[in-house]
Amino acid sequence: MLKRIPQSTLAEFYPRDSKH
């Protein structure tokens, strides 16, 4: 599921997870 989400969206949802 998360894999389908683009990095841009992930960055907004998990800005702290920028390392991943």
PDB file of N, CA and C in Angstrom:
ATOM      1  N   MET A   1       0.843  -1.198   0.000  1.00  0.00           N
ATOM      2  CA  MET A   1       0.000   0.000   0.000  1.00  0.00           C
ATOM      3  C   MET A   1       0.883   1.255   0.000  1.00  0.00           C
ATOM      4  N   LEU A   2       1.768   1.324   0.967  1.00  0.00           N
ATOM      5  CA  LEU A   2       2.655   2.498   1.044  1.00  0.00           C
ATOM      6  C   LEU A   2       3.540   2.571  -0.191  1.00  0.00           C
ATOM      7  N   LYS A   3       3.867   1.398  -0.729  1.00  0.00           N
ATOM      8  CA  LYS A   3       4.757   1.381  -1.900  1.00  0.00           C
ATOM      9  C   LYS A   3       4.100   2.107  -3.069  1.00  0.00           C
ATOM     10  N   ARG A   4       2.779   2.050  -3.116  1.00  0.00           N
ATOM     11  CA  ARG A   4       2.060   2.704  -4.222  1.00  0.00           C
ATOM     12  C   ARG A   4       2.106   4.217  -4.062  1.00  0.00           C
ATOM     13  N   ILE A   5       2.238   4.671  -2.836  1.00  0.00           N
ATOM     14  CA  ILE A   5       2.276   6.119  -2.588  1.00  0.00           C
ATOM     15  C   ILE A   5       3.615   6.699  -3.046  1.00  0.00           C
ATOM     16  N   PRO A   6       3.588   7.772  -3.793  1.00  0.00           N
ATOM     17  CA  PRO A   6       4.825   8.409  -4.269  1.00  0.00           C
ATOM     18  C   PRO A   6       5.620   8.987  -3.112  1.00  0.00           C
ATOM     19  N   GLN A   7       6.912   9.130  -3.310  1.00  0.00           N
ATOM     20  CA  GLN A   7       7.772   9.660  -2.237  1.00  0.00           C
ATOM     21  C   GLN A   7       7.301  11.043  -1.807  1.00  0.00           C
ATOM     22  N   SER A   8       6.776  11.811  -2.735  1.00  0.00           N
ATOM     23  CA  SER A   8       6.315  13.172  -2.409  1.00  0.00           C
ATOM     24  C   SER A   8       5.222  13.099  -1.345  1.00  0.00           C
ATOM     25  N   THR A   9       4.291  12.174  -1.533  1.00  0.00           N
ATOM     26  CA  THR A   9       3.205  12.043  -0.561  1.00  0.00           C
ATOM     27  C   THR A   9       3.750  11.537   0.765  1.00  0.00           C
ATOM     28  N   LEU A  10       4.627  10.551   0.690  1.00  0.00           N
ATOM     29  CA  LEU A  10       5.219  10.006   1.919  1.00  0.00           C
ATOM     30  C   LEU A  10       5.923  11.101   2.699  1.00  0.00           C
ATOM     31  N   ALA A  11       6.616  11.958   1.993  1.00  0.00           N
ATOM     32  CA  ALA A  11       7.354  13.046   2.648  1.00  0.00           C
ATOM     33  C   ALA A  11       6.375  13.946   3.400  1.00  0.00           C
ATOM     34  N   GLU A  12       5.180  14.119   2.842  1.00  0.00           N
ATOM     35  CA  GLU A  12       4.197  14.989   3.501  1.00  0.00           C
ATOM     36  C   GLU A  12       3.568  14.275   4.692  1.00  0.00           C
ATOM     37  N   PHE A  13       3.323  12.971   4.513  1.00  0.00           N
ATOM     38  CA  PHE A  13       2.716  12.204   5.599  1.00  0.00           C
ATOM     39  C   PHE A  13       3.734  11.879   6.684  1.00  0.00           C
ATOM     40  N   TYR A  14       4.946  11.561   6.247  1.00  0.00           N
ATOM     41  CA  TYR A  14       6.007  11.221   7.198  1.00  0.00           C
ATOM     42  C   TYR A  14       7.264  12.036   6.918  1.00  0.00           C
ATOM     43  N   PRO A  15       7.208  13.338   7.190  1.00  0.00           N
ATOM     44  CA  PRO A  15       8.366  14.202   6.932  1.00  0.00           C
ATOM     45  C   PRO A  15       9.570  13.763   7.761  1.00  0.00           C
ATOM     46  N   ARG A  16       9.300  13.158   8.910  1.00  0.00           N
ATOM     47  CA  ARG A  16      10.400  12.707   9.782  1.00  0.00           C
ATOM     48  C   ARG A  16      11.045  11.451   9.206  1.00  0.00           C
ATOM     49  N   ASP A  17      10.303  10.739   8.372  1.00  0.00           N
ATOM     50  CA  ASP A  17      10.839   9.509   7.780  1.00  0.00           C
ATOM     51  C   ASP A  17      11.620   9.808   6.507  1.00  0.00           C
ATOM     52  N   SER A  18      12.115  11.006   6.418  1.00  0.00           N
ATOM     53  CA  SER A  18      12.852  11.405   5.206  1.00  0.00           C
ATOM     54  C   SER A  18      14.060  10.492   4.991  1.00  0.00           C
ATOM     55  N   LYS A  19      14.563   9.911   6.067  1.00  0.00           N
ATOM     56  CA  LYS A  19      15.742   9.026   5.955  1.00  0.00           C
ATOM     57  C   LYS A  19      15.403   7.811   5.106  1.00  0.00           C
ATOM     58  N   HIS A  20      14.181   7.324   5.228  1.00  0.00           N
ATOM     59  CA  HIS A  20      13.810   6.122   4.483  1.00  0.00           C
ATOM     60  C   HIS A  20      13.630   6.473   3.019  1.00  0.00           C
TER      61      HIS A  20
END
